[in-house]
Amino acid sequence: GITLLAAEQTAGLPFSVWGCAFDIGAVTFSLSLFAVAA
């Protein structure tokens, strides 16, 4: 989150911090669900 803050202030983010966090959470959800099954 601190890295996202720094990136937003320098290079910018592709969307808001909420969108970035949603992507991170969605990736974790998907991979974790697969891992439980495995």
Full PDB file with SEQRES, HELIX, SHEET, SSBOND, CRYST1, ORIGX, SCALE, CONECT and MASTER records, all heavy atoms in Angstrom:
SEQRES   1 A   38  GLY ILE THR LEU LEU ALA ALA GLU GLN THR ALA GLY LEU          
SEQRES   2 A   38  PRO PHE SER VAL TRP GLY CYS ALA PHE ASP ILE GLY ALA          
SEQRES   3 A   38  VAL THR PHE SER LEU SER LEU PHE ALA VAL ALA ALA              
HELIX    1 AA1 ILE A    2  THR A   10  1                                   9    
HELIX    2 AA2 VAL A   17  ALA A   37  1                                  21    
CRYST1    1.000    1.000    1.000  90.00  90.00  90.00 P 1           1          
ORIGX1      1.000000  0.000000  0.000000        0.00000                         
ORIGX2      0.000000  1.000000  0.000000        0.00000                         
ORIGX3      0.000000  0.000000  1.000000        0.00000                         
SCALE1      1.000000  0.000000  0.000000        0.00000                         
SCALE2      0.000000  1.000000  0.000000        0.00000                         
SCALE3      0.000000  0.000000  1.000000        0.00000                         
ATOM      1  N   GLY A   1       0.822  -1.207   0.000  1.00  0.00           N  
ATOM      2  CA  GLY A   1       0.000   0.000   0.000  1.00  0.00           C  
ATOM      3  C   GLY A   1       0.855   1.255   0.000  1.00  0.00           C  
ATOM      4  O   GLY A   1       0.549   2.240  -0.687  1.00  0.00           O  
ATOM      5  N   ILE A   2       1.943   1.219   0.747  1.00  0.00           N  
ATOM      6  CA  ILE A   2       2.877   2.350   0.771  1.00  0.00           C  
ATOM      7  C   ILE A   2       3.550   2.493  -0.594  1.00  0.00           C  
ATOM      8  O   ILE A   2       3.736   3.596  -1.097  1.00  0.00           O  
ATOM      9  CB  ILE A   2       3.912   2.166   1.901  1.00  0.00           C  
ATOM     10  CG1 ILE A   2       3.192   2.178   3.258  1.00  0.00           C  
ATOM     11  CG2 ILE A   2       4.987   3.237   1.838  1.00  0.00           C  
ATOM     12  CD1 ILE A   2       4.023   1.688   4.405  1.00  0.00           C  
ATOM     13  N   THR A   3       3.860   1.359  -1.222  1.00  0.00           N  
ATOM     14  CA  THR A   3       4.440   1.375  -2.567  1.00  0.00           C  
ATOM     15  C   THR A   3       3.458   1.977  -3.567  1.00  0.00           C  
ATOM     16  O   THR A   3       3.843   2.747  -4.446  1.00  0.00           O  
ATOM     17  CB  THR A   3       4.830  -0.052  -2.997  1.00  0.00           C  
ATOM     18  OG1 THR A   3       5.751  -0.577  -2.047  1.00  0.00           O  
ATOM     19  CG2 THR A   3       5.435  -0.079  -4.381  1.00  0.00           C  
ATOM     20  N   LEU A   4       2.184   1.629  -3.441  1.00  0.00           N  
ATOM     21  CA  LEU A   4       1.169   2.192  -4.332  1.00  0.00           C  
ATOM     22  C   LEU A   4       1.069   3.703  -4.155  1.00  0.00           C  
ATOM     23  O   LEU A   4       0.903   4.445  -5.130  1.00  0.00           O  
ATOM     24  CB  LEU A   4      -0.193   1.533  -4.082  1.00  0.00           C  
ATOM     25  CG  LEU A   4      -0.323   0.063  -4.457  1.00  0.00           C  
ATOM     26  CD1 LEU A   4      -1.696  -0.473  -4.054  1.00  0.00           C  
ATOM     27  CD2 LEU A   4      -0.073  -0.158  -5.941  1.00  0.00           C  
ATOM     28  N   LEU A   5       1.177   4.160  -2.920  1.00  0.00           N  
ATOM     29  CA  LEU A   5       1.163   5.598  -2.641  1.00  0.00           C  
ATOM     30  C   LEU A   5       2.333   6.288  -3.340  1.00  0.00           C  
ATOM     31  O   LEU A   5       2.162   7.318  -4.003  1.00  0.00           O  
ATOM     32  CB  LEU A   5       1.206   5.836  -1.135  1.00  0.00           C  
ATOM     33  CG  LEU A   5       1.286   7.288  -0.671  1.00  0.00           C  
ATOM     34  CD1 LEU A   5       0.027   8.050  -1.068  1.00  0.00           C  
ATOM     35  CD2 LEU A   5       1.480   7.336   0.836  1.00  0.00           C  
ATOM     36  N   ALA A   6       3.512   5.697  -3.223  1.00  0.00           N  
ATOM     37  CA  ALA A   6       4.696   6.272  -3.866  1.00  0.00           C  
ATOM     38  C   ALA A   6       4.566   6.248  -5.385  1.00  0.00           C  
ATOM     39  O   ALA A   6       4.905   7.223  -6.066  1.00  0.00           O  
ATOM     40  CB  ALA A   6       5.949   5.510  -3.420  1.00  0.00           C  
ATOM     41  N   ALA A   7       4.055   5.141  -5.919  1.00  0.00           N  
ATOM     42  CA  ALA A   7       3.896   5.031  -7.370  1.00  0.00           C  
ATOM     43  C   ALA A   7       2.885   6.043  -7.890  1.00  0.00           C  
ATOM     44  O   ALA A   7       3.074   6.635  -8.964  1.00  0.00           O  
ATOM     45  CB  ALA A   7       3.466   3.618  -7.752  1.00  0.00           C  
ATOM     46  N   GLU A   8       1.833   6.258  -7.140  1.00  0.00           N  
ATOM     47  CA  GLU A   8       0.819   7.224  -7.558  1.00  0.00           C  
ATOM     48  C   GLU A   8       1.407   8.635  -7.628  1.00  0.00           C  
ATOM     49  O   GLU A   8       1.082   9.405  -8.521  1.00  0.00           O  
ATOM     50  CB  GLU A   8      -0.353   7.202  -6.576  1.00  0.00           C  
ATOM     51  CG  GLU A   8      -1.475   8.156  -6.935  1.00  0.00           C  
ATOM     52  CD  GLU A   8      -2.587   8.117  -5.920  1.00  0.00           C  
ATOM     53  OE1 GLU A   8      -2.328   8.447  -4.741  1.00  0.00           O  
ATOM     54  OE2 GLU A   8      -3.708   7.759  -6.313  1.00  0.00           O  
ATOM     55  N   GLN A   9       2.302   8.941  -6.712  1.00  0.00           N  
ATOM     56  CA  GLN A   9       2.878  10.276  -6.661  1.00  0.00           C  
ATOM     57  C   GLN A   9       3.979  10.480  -7.702  1.00  0.00           C  
ATOM     58  O   GLN A   9       4.279  11.610  -8.070  1.00  0.00           O  
ATOM     59  CB  GLN A   9       3.421  10.557  -5.260  1.00  0.00           C  
ATOM     60  CG  GLN A   9       2.323  10.644  -4.235  1.00  0.00           C  
ATOM     61  CD  GLN A   9       2.841  10.745  -2.816  1.00  0.00           C  
ATOM     62  OE1 GLN A   9       4.034  10.652  -2.561  1.00  0.00           O  
ATOM     63  NE2 GLN A   9       1.927  10.932  -1.877  1.00  0.00           N  
ATOM     64  N   THR A  10       4.561   9.397  -8.187  1.00  0.00           N  
ATOM     65  CA  THR A  10       5.642   9.531  -9.168  1.00  0.00           C  
ATOM     66  C   THR A  10       5.178   9.148 -10.574  1.00  0.00           C  
ATOM     67  O   THR A  10       5.050   9.996 -11.440  1.00  0.00           O  
ATOM     68  CB  THR A  10       6.870   8.689  -8.770  1.00  0.00           C  
ATOM     69  OG1 THR A  10       6.473   7.332  -8.602  1.00  0.00           O  
ATOM     70  CG2 THR A  10       7.491   9.202  -7.490  1.00  0.00           C  
ATOM     71  N   ALA A  11       4.931   7.878 -10.797  1.00  0.00           N  
ATOM     72  CA  ALA A  11       4.608   7.390 -12.146  1.00  0.00           C  
ATOM     73  C   ALA A  11       3.111   7.271 -12.400  1.00  0.00           C  
ATOM     74  O   ALA A  11       2.686   7.170 -13.535  1.00  0.00           O  
ATOM     75  CB  ALA A  11       5.270   6.034 -12.372  1.00  0.00           C  
ATOM     76  N   GLY A  12       2.321   7.223 -11.354  1.00  0.00           N  
ATOM     77  CA  GLY A  12       0.880   7.066 -11.508  1.00  0.00           C  
ATOM     78  C   GLY A  12       0.455   5.614 -11.426  1.00  0.00           C  
ATOM     79  O   GLY A  12       1.264   4.698 -11.579  1.00  0.00           O  
ATOM     80  N   LEU A  13      -0.826   5.414 -11.163  1.00  0.00           N  
ATOM     81  CA  LEU A  13      -1.426   4.086 -11.078  1.00  0.00           C  
ATOM     82  C   LEU A  13      -2.413   3.918 -12.226  1.00  0.00           C  
ATOM     83  O   LEU A  13      -2.992   4.909 -12.682  1.00  0.00           O  
ATOM     84  CB  LEU A  13      -2.151   3.907  -9.739  1.00  0.00           C  
ATOM     85  CG  LEU A  13      -1.294   3.917  -8.475  1.00  0.00           C  
ATOM     86  CD1 LEU A  13      -2.170   3.885  -7.236  1.00  0.00           C  
ATOM     87  CD2 LEU A  13      -0.332   2.743  -8.475  1.00  0.00           C  
ATOM     88  N   PRO A  14      -2.662   2.687 -12.677  1.00  0.00           N  
ATOM     89  CA  PRO A  14      -3.605   2.490 -13.781  1.00  0.00           C  
ATOM     90  C   PRO A  14      -5.039   2.830 -13.391  1.00  0.00           C  
ATOM     91  O   PRO A  14      -5.843   3.193 -14.228  1.00  0.00           O  
ATOM     92  CB  PRO A  14      -3.466   1.009 -14.126  1.00  0.00           C  
ATOM     93  CG  PRO A  14      -2.836   0.382 -12.936  1.00  0.00           C  
ATOM     94  CD  PRO A  14      -2.047   1.441 -12.250  1.00  0.00           C  
ATOM     95  N   PHE A  15      -5.368   2.698 -12.100  1.00  0.00           N  
ATOM     96  CA  PHE A  15      -6.664   3.108 -11.564  1.00  0.00           C  
ATOM     97  C   PHE A  15      -6.484   3.460 -10.093  1.00  0.00           C  
ATOM     98  O   PHE A  15      -5.369   3.423  -9.590  1.00  0.00           O  
ATOM     99  CB  PHE A  15      -7.767   2.049 -11.728  1.00  0.00           C  
ATOM    100  CG  PHE A  15      -7.300   0.679 -12.110  1.00  0.00           C  
ATOM    101  CD1 PHE A  15      -6.712  -0.168 -11.185  1.00  0.00           C  
ATOM    102  CD2 PHE A  15      -7.433   0.221 -13.404  1.00  0.00           C  
ATOM    103  CE1 PHE A  15      -6.281  -1.428 -11.531  1.00  0.00           C  
ATOM    104  CE2 PHE A  15      -7.000  -1.050 -13.755  1.00  0.00           C  
ATOM    105  CZ  PHE A  15      -6.419  -1.872 -12.827  1.00  0.00           C  
ATOM    106  N   SER A  16      -7.567   3.781  -9.413  1.00  0.00           N  
ATOM    107  CA  SER A  16      -7.473   4.202  -8.015  1.00  0.00           C  
ATOM    108  C   SER A  16      -6.879   3.086  -7.155  1.00  0.00           C  
ATOM    109  O   SER A  16      -6.797   1.935  -7.577  1.00  0.00           O  
ATOM    110  CB  SER A  16      -8.861   4.567  -7.481  1.00  0.00           C  
ATOM    111  OG  SER A  16      -9.632   3.391  -7.277  1.00  0.00           O  
ATOM    112  N   VAL A  17      -6.487   3.439  -5.941  1.00  0.00           N  
ATOM    113  CA  VAL A  17      -5.949   2.434  -5.021  1.00  0.00           C  
ATOM    114  C   VAL A  17      -6.982   1.344  -4.767  1.00  0.00           C  
ATOM    115  O   VAL A  17      -6.626   0.178  -4.594  1.00  0.00           O  
ATOM    116  CB  VAL A  17      -5.459   3.083  -3.700  1.00  0.00           C  
ATOM    117  CG1 VAL A  17      -6.617   3.636  -2.883  1.00  0.00           C  
ATOM    118  CG2 VAL A  17      -4.663   2.084  -2.874  1.00  0.00           C  
ATOM    119  N   TRP A  18      -8.263   1.701  -4.778  1.00  0.00           N  
ATOM    120  CA  TRP A  18      -9.321   0.708  -4.572  1.00  0.00           C  
ATOM    121  C   TRP A  18      -9.342  -0.312  -5.711  1.00  0.00           C  
ATOM    122  O   TRP A  18      -9.502  -1.507  -5.474  1.00  0.00           O  
ATOM    123  CB  TRP A  18     -10.685   1.392  -4.447  1.00  0.00           C  
ATOM    124  CG  TRP A  18     -10.776   2.248  -3.224  1.00  0.00           C  
ATOM    125  CD1 TRP A  18     -10.608   3.606  -3.162  1.00  0.00           C  
ATOM    126  CD2 TRP A  18     -11.013   1.803  -1.895  1.00  0.00           C  
ATOM    127  NE1 TRP A  18     -10.733   4.022  -1.860  1.00  0.00           N  
ATOM    128  CE2 TRP A  18     -10.990   2.949  -1.066  1.00  0.00           C  
ATOM    129  CE3 TRP A  18     -11.251   0.562  -1.316  1.00  0.00           C  
ATOM    130  CZ2 TRP A  18     -11.201   2.884   0.306  1.00  0.00           C  
ATOM    131  CZ3 TRP A  18     -11.463   0.502   0.049  1.00  0.00           C  
ATOM    132  CH2 TRP A  18     -11.431   1.649   0.852  1.00  0.00           C  
ATOM    133  N   GLY A  19      -9.161   0.166  -6.935  1.00  0.00           N  
ATOM    134  CA  GLY A  19      -9.111  -0.741  -8.086  1.00  0.00           C  
ATOM    135  C   GLY A  19      -7.885  -1.637  -8.053  1.00  0.00           C  
ATOM    136  O   GLY A  19      -7.967  -2.839  -8.353  1.00  0.00           O  
ATOM    137  N   CYS A  20      -6.757  -1.052  -7.679  1.00  0.00           N  
ATOM    138  CA  CYS A  20      -5.519  -1.842  -7.564  1.00  0.00           C  
ATOM    139  C   CYS A  20      -5.674  -2.912  -6.480  1.00  0.00           C  
ATOM    140  O   CYS A  20      -5.309  -4.069  -6.678  1.00  0.00           O  
ATOM    141  CB  CYS A  20      -4.331  -0.938  -7.245  1.00  0.00           C  
ATOM    142  SG  CYS A  20      -3.897   0.213  -8.562  1.00  0.00           S  
ATOM    143  N   ALA A  21      -6.230  -2.508  -5.335  1.00  0.00           N  
ATOM    144  CA  ALA A  21      -6.425  -3.451  -4.229  1.00  0.00           C  
ATOM    145  C   ALA A  21      -7.421  -4.539  -4.606  1.00  0.00           C  
ATOM    146  O   ALA A  21      -7.248  -5.708  -4.245  1.00  0.00           O  
ATOM    147  CB  ALA A  21      -6.900  -2.702  -2.982  1.00  0.00           C  
ATOM    148  N   PHE A  22      -8.459  -4.167  -5.377  1.00  0.00           N  
ATOM    149  CA  PHE A  22      -9.424  -5.179  -5.835  1.00  0.00           C  
ATOM    150  C   PHE A  22      -8.729  -6.224  -6.704  1.00  0.00           C  
ATOM    151  O   PHE A  22      -8.968  -7.425  -6.553  1.00  0.00           O  
ATOM    152  CB  PHE A  22     -10.578  -4.527  -6.603  1.00  0.00           C  
ATOM    153  CG  PHE A  22     -11.550  -5.540  -7.135  1.00  0.00           C  
ATOM    154  CD1 PHE A  22     -12.524  -6.080  -6.317  1.00  0.00           C  
ATOM    155  CD2 PHE A  22     -11.459  -5.980  -8.446  1.00  0.00           C  
ATOM    156  CE1 PHE A  22     -13.411  -7.039  -6.798  1.00  0.00           C  
ATOM    157  CE2 PHE A  22     -12.337  -6.934  -8.940  1.00  0.00           C  
ATOM    158  CZ  PHE A  22     -13.315  -7.467  -8.108  1.00  0.00           C  
ATOM    159  N   ASP A  23      -7.875  -5.771  -7.617  1.00  0.00           N  
ATOM    160  CA  ASP A  23      -7.141  -6.712  -8.471  1.00  0.00           C  
ATOM    161  C   ASP A  23      -6.268  -7.653  -7.637  1.00  0.00           C  
ATOM    162  O   ASP A  23      -6.235  -8.859  -7.883  1.00  0.00           O  
ATOM    163  CB  ASP A  23      -6.273  -5.959  -9.485  1.00  0.00           C  
ATOM    164  CG  ASP A  23      -7.089  -5.348 -10.601  1.00  0.00           C  
ATOM    165  OD1 ASP A  23      -8.303  -5.607 -10.682  1.00  0.00           O  
ATOM    166  OD2 ASP A  23      -6.503  -4.586 -11.396  1.00  0.00           O  
ATOM    167  N   ILE A  24      -5.565  -7.093  -6.657  1.00  0.00           N  
ATOM    168  CA  ILE A  24      -4.716  -7.907  -5.789  1.00  0.00           C  
ATOM    169  C   ILE A  24      -5.550  -8.932  -5.027  1.00  0.00           C  
ATOM    170  O   ILE A  24      -5.200 -10.114  -4.948  1.00  0.00           O  
ATOM    171  CB  ILE A  24      -3.909  -6.998  -4.825  1.00  0.00           C  
ATOM    172  CG1 ILE A  24      -2.872  -6.189  -5.616  1.00  0.00           C  
ATOM    173  CG2 ILE A  24      -3.257  -7.813  -3.712  1.00  0.00           C  
ATOM    174  CD1 ILE A  24      -2.235  -5.055  -4.830  1.00  0.00           C  
ATOM    175  N   GLY A  25      -6.687  -8.502  -4.479  1.00  0.00           N  
ATOM    176  CA  GLY A  25      -7.570  -9.414  -3.746  1.00  0.00           C  
ATOM    177  C   GLY A  25      -8.159 -10.491  -4.642  1.00  0.00           C  
ATOM    178  O   GLY A  25      -8.272 -11.655  -4.246  1.00  0.00           O  
ATOM    179  N   ALA A  26      -8.540 -10.107  -5.869  1.00  0.00           N  
ATOM    180  CA  ALA A  26      -9.131 -11.075  -6.803  1.00  0.00           C  
ATOM    181  C   ALA A  26      -8.116 -12.140  -7.221  1.00  0.00           C  
ATOM    182  O   ALA A  26      -8.455 -13.332  -7.316  1.00  0.00           O  
ATOM    183  CB  ALA A  26      -9.682 -10.352  -8.035  1.00  0.00           C  
ATOM    184  N   VAL A  27      -6.890 -11.719  -7.459  1.00  0.00           N  
ATOM    185  CA  VAL A  27      -5.835 -12.676  -7.810  1.00  0.00           C  
ATOM    186  C   VAL A  27      -5.610 -13.638  -6.645  1.00  0.00           C  
ATOM    187  O   VAL A  27      -5.527 -14.860  -6.835  1.00  0.00           O  
ATOM    188  CB  VAL A  27      -4.522 -11.941  -8.194  1.00  0.00           C  
ATOM    189  CG1 VAL A  27      -3.346 -12.900  -8.251  1.00  0.00           C  
ATOM    190  CG2 VAL A  27      -4.682 -11.219  -9.517  1.00  0.00           C  
ATOM    191  N   THR A  28      -5.540 -13.096  -5.433  1.00  0.00           N  
ATOM    192  CA  THR A  28      -5.325 -13.938  -4.252  1.00  0.00           C  
ATOM    193  C   THR A  28      -6.482 -14.907  -4.058  1.00  0.00           C  
ATOM    194  O   THR A  28      -6.268 -16.089  -3.773  1.00  0.00           O  
ATOM    195  CB  THR A  28      -5.149 -13.069  -2.987  1.00  0.00           C  
ATOM    196  OG1 THR A  28      -4.027 -12.212  -3.191  1.00  0.00           O  
ATOM    197  CG2 THR A  28      -4.917 -13.917  -1.760  1.00  0.00           C  
ATOM    198  N   PHE A  29      -7.712 -14.434  -4.207  1.00  0.00           N  
ATOM    199  CA  PHE A  29      -8.887 -15.307  -4.073  1.00  0.00           C  
ATOM    200  C   PHE A  29      -8.805 -16.468  -5.058  1.00  0.00           C  
ATOM    201  O   PHE A  29      -8.955 -17.638  -4.681  1.00  0.00           O  
ATOM    202  CB  PHE A  29     -10.180 -14.518  -4.304  1.00  0.00           C  
ATOM    203  CG  PHE A  29     -11.394 -15.389  -4.452  1.00  0.00           C  
ATOM    204  CD1 PHE A  29     -12.031 -15.905  -3.333  1.00  0.00           C  
ATOM    205  CD2 PHE A  29     -11.888 -15.713  -5.703  1.00  0.00           C  
ATOM    206  CE1 PHE A  29     -13.136 -16.726  -3.462  1.00  0.00           C  
ATOM    207  CE2 PHE A  29     -12.993 -16.528  -5.852  1.00  0.00           C  
ATOM    208  CZ  PHE A  29     -13.628 -17.041  -4.719  1.00  0.00           C  
ATOM    209  N   SER A  30      -8.545 -16.156  -6.319  1.00  0.00           N  
ATOM    210  CA  SER A  30      -8.518 -17.188  -7.364  1.00  0.00           C  
ATOM    211  C   SER A  30      -7.430 -18.225  -7.109  1.00  0.00           C  
ATOM    212  O   SER A  30      -7.687 -19.438  -7.169  1.00  0.00           O  
ATOM    213  CB  SER A  30      -8.293 -16.545  -8.739  1.00  0.00           C  
ATOM    214  OG  SER A  30      -9.295 -15.615  -9.008  1.00  0.00           O  
ATOM    215  N   LEU A  31      -6.233 -17.751  -6.831  1.00  0.00           N  
ATOM    216  CA  LEU A  31      -5.118 -18.674  -6.615  1.00  0.00           C  
ATOM    217  C   LEU A  31      -5.297 -19.483  -5.326  1.00  0.00           C  
ATOM    218  O   LEU A  31      -4.952 -20.667  -5.277  1.00  0.00           O  
ATOM    219  CB  LEU A  31      -3.793 -17.920  -6.605  1.00  0.00           C  
ATOM    220  CG  LEU A  31      -3.381 -17.287  -7.938  1.00  0.00           C  
ATOM    221  CD1 LEU A  31      -2.116 -16.463  -7.776  1.00  0.00           C  
ATOM    222  CD2 LEU A  31      -3.206 -18.343  -9.019  1.00  0.00           C  
ATOM    223  N   SER A  32      -5.857 -18.865  -4.291  1.00  0.00           N  
ATOM    224  CA  SER A  32      -6.078 -19.574  -3.027  1.00  0.00           C  
ATOM    225  C   SER A  32      -7.131 -20.660  -3.180  1.00  0.00           C  
ATOM    226  O   SER A  32      -6.993 -21.752  -2.625  1.00  0.00           O  
ATOM    227  CB  SER A  32      -6.504 -18.595  -1.925  1.00  0.00           C  
ATOM    228  OG  SER A  32      -5.466 -17.701  -1.630  1.00  0.00           O  
ATOM    229  N   LEU A  33      -8.180 -20.371  -3.943  1.00  0.00           N  
ATOM    230  CA  LEU A  33      -9.223 -21.376  -4.175  1.00  0.00           C  
ATOM    231  C   LEU A  33      -8.647 -22.579  -4.916  1.00  0.00           C  
ATOM    232  O   LEU A  33      -8.908 -23.739  -4.558  1.00  0.00           O  
ATOM    233  CB  LEU A  33     -10.387 -20.765  -4.949  1.00  0.00           C  
ATOM    234  CG  LEU A  33     -11.627 -21.631  -5.112  1.00  0.00           C  
ATOM    235  CD1 LEU A  33     -12.199 -22.027  -3.755  1.00  0.00           C  
ATOM    236  CD2 LEU A  33     -12.669 -20.888  -5.931  1.00  0.00           C  
ATOM    237  N   PHE A  34      -7.832 -22.314  -5.922  1.00  0.00           N  
ATOM    238  CA  PHE A  34      -7.171 -23.386  -6.657  1.00  0.00           C  
ATOM    239  C   PHE A  34      -6.257 -24.191  -5.725  1.00  0.00           C  
ATOM    240  O   PHE A  34      -6.207 -25.417  -5.787  1.00  0.00           O  
ATOM    241  CB  PHE A  34      -6.372 -22.799  -7.825  1.00  0.00           C  
ATOM    242  CG  PHE A  34      -5.540 -23.813  -8.549  1.00  0.00           C  
ATOM    243  CD1 PHE A  34      -6.119 -24.704  -9.439  1.00  0.00           C  
ATOM    244  CD2 PHE A  34      -4.180 -23.889  -8.318  1.00  0.00           C  
ATOM    245  CE1 PHE A  34      -5.350 -25.659 -10.096  1.00  0.00           C  
ATOM    246  CE2 PHE A  34      -3.404 -24.832  -8.971  1.00  0.00           C  
ATOM    247  CZ  PHE A  34      -3.988 -25.720  -9.856  1.00  0.00           C  
ATOM    248  N   ALA A  35      -5.535 -23.481  -4.849  1.00  0.00           N  
ATOM    249  CA  ALA A  35      -4.584 -24.143  -3.951  1.00  0.00           C  
ATOM    250  C   ALA A  35      -5.283 -25.035  -2.930  1.00  0.00           C  
ATOM    251  O   ALA A  35      -4.789 -26.111  -2.596  1.00  0.00           O  
ATOM    252  CB  ALA A  35      -3.720 -23.106  -3.238  1.00  0.00           C  
ATOM    253  N   VAL A  36      -6.441 -24.601  -2.430  1.00  0.00           N  
ATOM    254  CA  VAL A  36      -7.199 -25.453  -1.499  1.00  0.00           C  
ATOM    255  C   VAL A  36      -7.577 -26.752  -2.198  1.00  0.00           C  
ATOM    256  O   VAL A  36      -7.420 -27.845  -1.644  1.00  0.00           O  
ATOM    257  CB  VAL A  36      -8.461 -24.741  -0.963  1.00  0.00           C  
ATOM    258  CG1 VAL A  36      -9.365 -25.719  -0.223  1.00  0.00           C  
ATOM    259  CG2 VAL A  36      -8.097 -23.594  -0.036  1.00  0.00           C  
ATOM    260  N   ALA A  37      -8.054 -26.638  -3.430  1.00  0.00           N  
ATOM    261  CA  ALA A  37      -8.449 -27.836  -4.186  1.00  0.00           C  
ATOM    262  C   ALA A  37      -7.253 -28.761  -4.403  1.00  0.00           C  
ATOM    263  O   ALA A  37      -7.354 -29.981  -4.240  1.00  0.00           O  
ATOM    264  CB  ALA A  37      -9.067 -27.431  -5.517  1.00  0.00           C  
ATOM    265  N   ALA A  38      -6.117 -28.186  -4.757  1.00  0.00           N  
ATOM    266  CA  ALA A  38      -4.912 -28.998  -4.952  1.00  0.00           C  
ATOM    267  C   ALA A  38      -4.479 -29.645  -3.645  1.00  0.00           C  
ATOM    268  O   ALA A  38      -4.119 -30.822  -3.610  1.00  0.00           O  
ATOM    269  CB  ALA A  38      -3.779 -28.136  -5.511  1.00  0.00           C  
TER     270      ALA A  38                                                      
MASTER        0    0    0    2    0    0    0    6  269    1    0    3          
END                                                                             
